[in-house]
Amino acid sequence: MFSKAFGYAVRAVTYIAIHGSGGHKIGLLELSESLEVPHHFLGKIMQDLVRHGIVDSTKGPNGGFYANDSTLSTVLTDILKITDGSLVFEQCALGLHRCNASRPCLVHHDFASCKNAMISVLASRTIASLTEKVLSEQVFFK
């Protein structure tokens, strides 16, 4: 349902929130190897996350990515907008250009309830809530 970029971004930010605090920086190579995701693709995703203030980074031999003051409070809809764009939930489920509430497609109303529920879930999940689940071993992310 979501792009690989979104999944990689959520996993990367969660990893950084767990391992990239207290002055420790996570290099791109460590991040991509730990999460088993393509290095170059993840690099582009991380640039966007830094540009939008989700995480911070420094360059150089001791550089890398690290959590900032807003990392833990970031909601998943913020990451989704960065990776997939703000229109991801505004598009027709069947890809029709003229589909809307007044001219619905075959599944418009059914999809609308699913879409609203998914937006609600993503808006209620923060990186902090994900890290808690990972640290308590309720879920895995690698």
N, C-alpha and C. Protein backbone atom coordinates (compact mmCIF):
# COMPACT_ATOMS: atom_id res chain seq x y z
N MET A 1 0.82 -1.19 0.00
CA MET A 1 0.00 0.00 0.00
C MET A 1 0.87 1.26 0.00
N PHE A 2 1.99 1.22 0.71
CA PHE A 2 2.88 2.37 0.75
C PHE A 2 4.15 2.05 -0.02
N SER A 3 4.89 3.08 -0.36
CA SER A 3 6.13 2.89 -1.12
C SER A 3 7.22 2.28 -0.24
N LYS A 4 8.23 1.72 -0.92
CA LYS A 4 9.40 1.22 -0.20
C LYS A 4 10.10 2.37 0.52
N ALA A 5 10.09 3.54 -0.10
CA ALA A 5 10.73 4.71 0.51
C ALA A 5 10.13 5.01 1.87
N PHE A 6 8.82 4.92 1.98
CA PHE A 6 8.16 5.18 3.27
C PHE A 6 8.59 4.13 4.31
N GLY A 7 8.57 2.88 3.93
CA GLY A 7 8.99 1.82 4.85
C GLY A 7 10.43 1.98 5.28
N TYR A 8 11.31 2.27 4.33
CA TYR A 8 12.72 2.47 4.66
C TYR A 8 12.89 3.67 5.58
N ALA A 9 12.16 4.74 5.30
CA ALA A 9 12.28 5.96 6.10
C ALA A 9 11.83 5.73 7.54
N VAL A 10 10.71 5.07 7.73
CA VAL A 10 10.22 4.80 9.08
C VAL A 10 11.20 3.91 9.83
N ARG A 11 11.70 2.89 9.17
CA ARG A 11 12.66 2.00 9.82
C ARG A 11 13.95 2.73 10.16
N ALA A 12 14.43 3.57 9.24
CA ALA A 12 15.68 4.32 9.46
C ALA A 12 15.53 5.31 10.61
N VAL A 13 14.45 6.05 10.63
CA VAL A 13 14.26 7.03 11.71
C VAL A 13 14.11 6.32 13.05
N THR A 14 13.43 5.19 13.06
CA THR A 14 13.30 4.42 14.30
C THR A 14 14.66 3.93 14.77
N TYR A 15 15.47 3.42 13.85
CA TYR A 15 16.82 2.95 14.18
C TYR A 15 17.65 4.10 14.74
N ILE A 16 17.59 5.25 14.10
CA ILE A 16 18.35 6.41 14.55
C ILE A 16 17.85 6.87 15.92
N ALA A 17 16.55 6.83 16.14
CA ALA A 17 16.01 7.23 17.45
C ALA A 17 16.52 6.32 18.55
N ILE A 18 16.71 5.06 18.24
CA ILE A 18 17.19 4.10 19.24
C ILE A 18 18.71 4.20 19.42
N HIS A 19 19.44 4.29 18.31
CA HIS A 19 20.91 4.19 18.37
C HIS A 19 21.64 5.52 18.18
N GLY A 20 20.95 6.55 17.70
CA GLY A 20 21.62 7.80 17.37
C GLY A 20 21.30 8.94 18.31
N SER A 21 21.54 8.71 19.57
CA SER A 21 21.33 9.78 20.56
C SER A 21 22.53 9.81 21.49
N GLY A 22 22.58 10.81 22.34
CA GLY A 22 23.69 10.92 23.28
C GLY A 22 25.02 11.15 22.59
N GLY A 23 25.01 11.84 21.46
CA GLY A 23 26.24 12.15 20.76
C GLY A 23 26.67 11.09 19.75
N HIS A 24 26.01 9.94 19.73
CA HIS A 24 26.37 8.88 18.77
C HIS A 24 25.71 9.16 17.43
N LYS A 25 26.49 9.09 16.38
CA LYS A 25 25.99 9.32 15.03
C LYS A 25 26.02 8.00 14.25
N ILE A 26 25.01 7.81 13.43
CA ILE A 26 24.88 6.59 12.64
C ILE A 26 25.26 6.90 11.19
N GLY A 27 26.29 6.25 10.70
CA GLY A 27 26.70 6.44 9.31
C GLY A 27 25.72 5.77 8.36
N LEU A 28 25.70 6.25 7.13
CA LEU A 28 24.78 5.71 6.13
C LEU A 28 25.06 4.23 5.87
N LEU A 29 26.33 3.85 5.84
CA LEU A 29 26.67 2.45 5.60
C LEU A 29 26.15 1.56 6.73
N GLU A 30 26.37 1.98 7.97
CA GLU A 30 25.86 1.22 9.12
C GLU A 30 24.34 1.11 9.05
N LEU A 31 23.69 2.21 8.72
CA LEU A 31 22.24 2.24 8.66
C LEU A 31 21.72 1.30 7.57
N SER A 32 22.29 1.38 6.39
CA SER A 32 21.80 0.54 5.28
C SER A 32 22.10 -0.93 5.53
N GLU A 33 23.26 -1.24 6.11
CA GLU A 33 23.57 -2.64 6.41
C GLU A 33 22.71 -3.18 7.54
N SER A 34 22.49 -2.40 8.56
CA SER A 34 21.68 -2.84 9.70
C SER A 34 20.24 -3.11 9.29
N LEU A 35 19.72 -2.28 8.39
CA LEU A 35 18.33 -2.41 7.96
C LEU A 35 18.18 -3.25 6.69
N GLU A 36 19.34 -3.61 6.11
CA GLU A 36 19.35 -4.40 4.88
C GLU A 36 18.55 -3.73 3.76
N VAL A 37 18.89 -2.46 3.53
CA VAL A 37 18.25 -1.69 2.47
C VAL A 37 19.32 -1.11 1.55
N PRO A 38 18.98 -0.81 0.30
CA PRO A 38 19.97 -0.28 -0.65
C PRO A 38 20.58 1.04 -0.18
N HIS A 39 21.88 1.10 -0.20
CA HIS A 39 22.67 2.22 0.30
C HIS A 39 22.32 3.53 -0.41
N HIS A 40 22.33 3.55 -1.73
CA HIS A 40 22.11 4.79 -2.47
C HIS A 40 20.67 5.29 -2.34
N PHE A 41 19.73 4.38 -2.39
CA PHE A 41 18.31 4.74 -2.25
C PHE A 41 18.07 5.32 -0.86
N LEU A 42 18.63 4.68 0.16
CA LEU A 42 18.47 5.17 1.53
C LEU A 42 19.13 6.54 1.69
N GLY A 43 20.25 6.75 1.03
CA GLY A 43 20.92 8.04 1.10
C GLY A 43 20.03 9.19 0.64
N LYS A 44 19.30 8.98 -0.44
CA LYS A 44 18.38 10.01 -0.95
C LYS A 44 17.23 10.24 0.03
N ILE A 45 16.73 9.16 0.60
CA ILE A 45 15.65 9.28 1.58
C ILE A 45 16.13 10.06 2.79
N MET A 46 17.33 9.75 3.27
CA MET A 46 17.86 10.42 4.45
C MET A 46 18.08 11.90 4.19
N GLN A 47 18.50 12.27 2.99
CA GLN A 47 18.65 13.69 2.66
C GLN A 47 17.33 14.43 2.82
N ASP A 48 16.26 13.81 2.35
CA ASP A 48 14.94 14.44 2.48
C ASP A 48 14.52 14.55 3.94
N LEU A 49 14.80 13.52 4.74
CA LEU A 49 14.43 13.55 6.16
C LEU A 49 15.22 14.63 6.90
N VAL A 50 16.48 14.80 6.57
CA VAL A 50 17.30 15.85 7.18
C VAL A 50 16.78 17.22 6.74
N ARG A 51 16.49 17.37 5.47
CA ARG A 51 16.00 18.64 4.93
C ARG A 51 14.69 19.07 5.62
N HIS A 52 13.87 18.11 6.00
CA HIS A 52 12.60 18.40 6.66
C HIS A 52 12.70 18.40 8.19
N GLY A 53 13.90 18.23 8.73
CA GLY A 53 14.13 18.34 10.17
C GLY A 53 13.71 17.13 11.00
N ILE A 54 13.47 15.99 10.35
CA ILE A 54 13.08 14.79 11.10
C ILE A 54 14.28 14.25 11.89
N VAL A 55 15.45 14.24 11.26
CA VAL A 55 16.71 13.88 11.91
C VAL A 55 17.74 14.92 11.49
N ASP A 56 18.89 14.90 12.13
CA ASP A 56 19.98 15.80 11.77
C ASP A 56 21.16 14.97 11.28
N SER A 57 22.11 15.64 10.65
CA SER A 57 23.31 14.95 10.20
C SER A 57 24.50 15.90 10.22
N THR A 58 25.66 15.30 10.29
CA THR A 58 26.91 16.04 10.13
C THR A 58 27.76 15.28 9.13
N LYS A 59 28.58 16.02 8.40
CA LYS A 59 29.46 15.41 7.41
C LYS A 59 30.82 15.16 8.03
N GLY A 60 31.62 14.38 7.34
CA GLY A 60 32.98 14.15 7.76
C GLY A 60 33.19 12.75 8.31
N PRO A 61 34.44 12.48 8.70
CA PRO A 61 34.79 11.13 9.15
C PRO A 61 34.03 10.68 10.41
N ASN A 62 33.67 11.61 11.25
CA ASN A 62 32.91 11.27 12.46
C ASN A 62 31.44 11.67 12.32
N GLY A 63 31.02 11.89 11.10
CA GLY A 63 29.66 12.34 10.85
C GLY A 63 28.67 11.20 10.80
N GLY A 64 27.44 11.57 10.54
CA GLY A 64 26.37 10.59 10.43
C GLY A 64 25.05 11.24 10.81
N PHE A 65 24.06 10.38 10.99
CA PHE A 65 22.71 10.83 11.32
C PHE A 65 22.47 10.65 12.81
N TYR A 66 21.69 11.56 13.37
CA TYR A 66 21.37 11.46 14.79
C TYR A 66 20.01 12.10 15.05
N ALA A 67 19.41 11.69 16.17
CA ALA A 67 18.09 12.19 16.54
C ALA A 67 18.21 13.63 17.03
N ASN A 68 17.17 14.42 16.74
CA ASN A 68 17.11 15.79 17.24
C ASN A 68 15.90 15.93 18.16
N ASP A 69 15.60 17.13 18.57
CA ASP A 69 14.51 17.36 19.52
C ASP A 69 13.14 16.95 19.00
N SER A 70 12.96 16.94 17.68
CA SER A 70 11.64 16.60 17.14
C SER A 70 11.54 15.17 16.62
N THR A 71 12.63 14.43 16.63
CA THR A 71 12.61 13.07 16.06
C THR A 71 11.55 12.20 16.73
N LEU A 72 11.58 12.12 18.04
CA LEU A 72 10.67 11.21 18.75
C LEU A 72 9.21 11.61 18.62
N SER A 73 8.93 12.89 18.46
CA SER A 73 7.54 13.33 18.36
C SER A 73 7.01 13.32 16.92
N THR A 74 7.84 12.94 15.98
CA THR A 74 7.42 12.89 14.57
C THR A 74 6.34 11.84 14.38
N VAL A 75 5.24 12.23 13.75
CA VAL A 75 4.18 11.27 13.45
C VAL A 75 4.42 10.69 12.05
N LEU A 76 3.91 9.49 11.84
CA LEU A 76 4.17 8.79 10.58
C LEU A 76 3.59 9.50 9.37
N THR A 77 2.52 10.27 9.55
CA THR A 77 1.99 11.02 8.40
C THR A 77 3.00 12.05 7.91
N ASP A 78 3.81 12.60 8.80
CA ASP A 78 4.85 13.55 8.38
C ASP A 78 5.86 12.86 7.47
N ILE A 79 6.26 11.66 7.83
CA ILE A 79 7.22 10.91 7.02
C ILE A 79 6.58 10.51 5.70
N LEU A 80 5.32 10.11 5.73
CA LEU A 80 4.61 9.72 4.51
C LEU A 80 4.54 10.89 3.52
N LYS A 81 4.29 12.08 4.02
CA LYS A 81 4.23 13.26 3.14
C LYS A 81 5.59 13.52 2.49
N ILE A 82 6.66 13.28 3.22
CA ILE A 82 8.01 13.50 2.69
C ILE A 82 8.34 12.46 1.63
N THR A 83 8.04 11.20 1.88
CA THR A 83 8.44 10.14 0.95
C THR A 83 7.47 9.93 -0.20
N ASP A 84 6.17 10.04 0.07
CA ASP A 84 5.17 9.70 -0.95
C ASP A 84 4.36 10.89 -1.43
N GLY A 85 4.55 12.03 -0.80
CA GLY A 85 3.80 13.22 -1.19
C GLY A 85 2.48 13.34 -0.46
N SER A 86 1.95 14.52 -0.44
CA SER A 86 0.73 14.77 0.31
C SER A 86 -0.52 14.25 -0.40
N LEU A 87 -0.38 13.87 -1.67
CA LEU A 87 -1.55 13.42 -2.42
C LEU A 87 -1.81 11.92 -2.31
N VAL A 88 -0.98 11.21 -1.55
CA VAL A 88 -1.08 9.76 -1.52
C VAL A 88 -2.48 9.27 -1.15
N PHE A 89 -3.18 9.98 -0.28
CA PHE A 89 -4.52 9.56 0.11
C PHE A 89 -5.62 10.33 -0.60
N GLU A 90 -5.24 11.21 -1.49
CA GLU A 90 -6.24 11.99 -2.21
C GLU A 90 -6.52 11.41 -3.59
N GLN A 91 -5.74 10.44 -4.00
CA GLN A 91 -5.90 9.86 -5.32
C GLN A 91 -6.99 8.79 -5.30
N CYS A 92 -7.57 8.58 -6.44
CA CYS A 92 -8.59 7.55 -6.61
C CYS A 92 -7.95 6.17 -6.47
N ALA A 93 -8.64 5.27 -5.79
CA ALA A 93 -8.13 3.91 -5.61
C ALA A 93 -7.97 3.18 -6.93
N LEU A 94 -8.78 3.54 -7.92
CA LEU A 94 -8.71 2.91 -9.23
C LEU A 94 -7.90 3.72 -10.24
N GLY A 95 -7.38 4.87 -9.80
CA GLY A 95 -6.55 5.69 -10.65
C GLY A 95 -7.31 6.60 -11.60
N LEU A 96 -8.59 6.80 -11.35
CA LEU A 96 -9.38 7.67 -12.21
C LEU A 96 -9.13 9.13 -11.85
N HIS A 97 -9.03 9.97 -12.85
CA HIS A 97 -8.71 11.38 -12.62
C HIS A 97 -9.91 12.20 -12.15
N ARG A 98 -11.09 11.82 -12.54
CA ARG A 98 -12.27 12.62 -12.21
C ARG A 98 -13.07 12.04 -11.05
N CYS A 99 -12.51 11.16 -10.30
CA CYS A 99 -13.20 10.56 -9.16
C CYS A 99 -13.20 11.53 -7.98
N ASN A 100 -14.38 11.76 -7.41
CA ASN A 100 -14.51 12.56 -6.19
C ASN A 100 -15.85 12.21 -5.54
N ALA A 101 -16.17 12.87 -4.47
CA ALA A 101 -17.40 12.55 -3.74
C ALA A 101 -18.65 12.76 -4.58
N SER A 102 -18.63 13.74 -5.47
CA SER A 102 -19.81 13.97 -6.30
C SER A 102 -19.83 13.10 -7.56
N ARG A 103 -18.68 12.61 -7.97
CA ARG A 103 -18.57 11.67 -9.10
C ARG A 103 -17.73 10.48 -8.67
N PRO A 104 -18.25 9.62 -7.79
CA PRO A 104 -17.44 8.53 -7.23
C PRO A 104 -17.21 7.39 -8.22
N CYS A 105 -16.06 6.76 -8.07
CA CYS A 105 -15.78 5.56 -8.84
C CYS A 105 -16.46 4.37 -8.17
N LEU A 106 -16.21 3.19 -8.67
CA LEU A 106 -16.85 1.98 -8.17
C LEU A 106 -16.58 1.70 -6.69
N VAL A 107 -15.41 2.08 -6.20
CA VAL A 107 -15.04 1.77 -4.82
C VAL A 107 -14.76 3.02 -3.98
N HIS A 108 -15.14 4.19 -4.47
CA HIS A 108 -14.80 5.45 -3.82
C HIS A 108 -15.22 5.47 -2.34
N HIS A 109 -16.46 5.18 -2.05
CA HIS A 109 -16.95 5.27 -0.68
C HIS A 109 -16.35 4.19 0.22
N ASP A 110 -16.16 3.00 -0.31
CA ASP A 110 -15.52 1.93 0.45
C ASP A 110 -14.07 2.29 0.78
N PHE A 111 -13.37 2.80 -0.20
CA PHE A 111 -11.98 3.17 -0.01
C PHE A 111 -11.85 4.37 0.93
N ALA A 112 -12.80 5.28 0.91
CA ALA A 112 -12.75 6.46 1.76
C ALA A 112 -12.71 6.09 3.23
N SER A 113 -13.50 5.10 3.63
CA SER A 113 -13.50 4.70 5.05
C SER A 113 -12.18 4.03 5.41
N CYS A 114 -11.63 3.23 4.52
CA CYS A 114 -10.32 2.61 4.77
C CYS A 114 -9.22 3.67 4.84
N LYS A 115 -9.29 4.62 3.91
CA LYS A 115 -8.30 5.69 3.85
C LYS A 115 -8.33 6.52 5.13
N ASN A 116 -9.50 6.88 5.59
CA ASN A 116 -9.62 7.68 6.81
C ASN A 116 -9.09 6.93 8.02
N ALA A 117 -9.36 5.63 8.09
CA ALA A 117 -8.86 4.82 9.19
C ALA A 117 -7.34 4.75 9.16
N MET A 118 -6.76 4.58 7.97
CA MET A 118 -5.30 4.50 7.86
C MET A 118 -4.65 5.83 8.22
N ILE A 119 -5.22 6.93 7.77
CA ILE A 119 -4.69 8.25 8.13
C ILE A 119 -4.72 8.43 9.65
N SER A 120 -5.79 8.00 10.27
CA SER A 120 -5.93 8.12 11.72
C SER A 120 -4.84 7.31 12.43
N VAL A 121 -4.57 6.11 11.96
CA VAL A 121 -3.52 5.27 12.57
C VAL A 121 -2.16 5.93 12.40
N LEU A 122 -1.84 6.37 11.19
CA LEU A 122 -0.53 6.97 10.94
C LEU A 122 -0.35 8.27 11.71
N ALA A 123 -1.41 9.03 11.86
CA ALA A 123 -1.33 10.30 12.59
C ALA A 123 -1.20 10.10 14.10
N SER A 124 -1.56 8.92 14.58
CA SER A 124 -1.49 8.66 16.02
C SER A 124 -0.21 7.93 16.43
N ARG A 125 0.60 7.52 15.47
CA ARG A 125 1.83 6.81 15.77
C ARG A 125 3.02 7.75 15.64
N THR A 126 3.78 7.85 16.72
CA THR A 126 5.00 8.65 16.71
C THR A 126 6.21 7.73 16.66
N ILE A 127 7.35 8.30 16.34
CA ILE A 127 8.59 7.53 16.37
C ILE A 127 8.84 7.04 17.79
N ALA A 128 8.49 7.84 18.79
CA ALA A 128 8.65 7.40 20.19
C ALA A 128 7.83 6.14 20.46
N SER A 129 6.61 6.08 19.97
CA SER A 129 5.79 4.90 20.21
C SER A 129 6.36 3.68 19.50
N LEU A 130 6.96 3.88 18.33
CA LEU A 130 7.58 2.76 17.62
C LEU A 130 8.83 2.28 18.34
N THR A 131 9.65 3.21 18.83
CA THR A 131 10.86 2.79 19.53
C THR A 131 10.52 2.04 20.81
N GLU A 132 9.46 2.44 21.49
CA GLU A 132 9.03 1.71 22.68
C GLU A 132 8.68 0.26 22.36
N LYS A 133 7.98 0.07 21.25
CA LYS A 133 7.61 -1.28 20.84
C LYS A 133 8.84 -2.11 20.48
N VAL A 134 9.80 -1.50 19.79
CA VAL A 134 11.01 -2.21 19.41
C VAL A 134 11.82 -2.57 20.66
N LEU A 135 11.99 -1.60 21.55
CA LEU A 135 12.80 -1.84 22.75
C LEU A 135 12.16 -2.86 23.69
N SER A 136 10.85 -2.95 23.68
CA SER A 136 10.18 -3.96 24.52
C SER A 136 10.00 -5.28 23.78
N GLU A 137 10.59 -5.34 22.57
CA GLU A 137 10.58 -6.55 21.74
C GLU A 137 9.18 -7.02 21.38
N GLN A 138 8.25 -6.09 21.27
CA GLN A 138 6.91 -6.43 20.80
C GLN A 138 6.87 -6.54 19.28
N VAL A 139 7.78 -5.85 18.61
CA VAL A 139 7.84 -5.84 17.16
C VAL A 139 9.30 -5.88 16.70
N PHE A 140 9.51 -6.15 15.44
CA PHE A 140 10.84 -6.06 14.86
C PHE A 140 10.80 -5.11 13.68
N PHE A 141 11.94 -4.58 13.28
CA PHE A 141 11.95 -3.63 12.17
C PHE A 141 13.12 -3.86 11.23
N LYS A 142 13.80 -4.97 11.36
CA LYS A 142 14.93 -5.27 10.46
C LYS A 142 14.55 -6.40 9.54
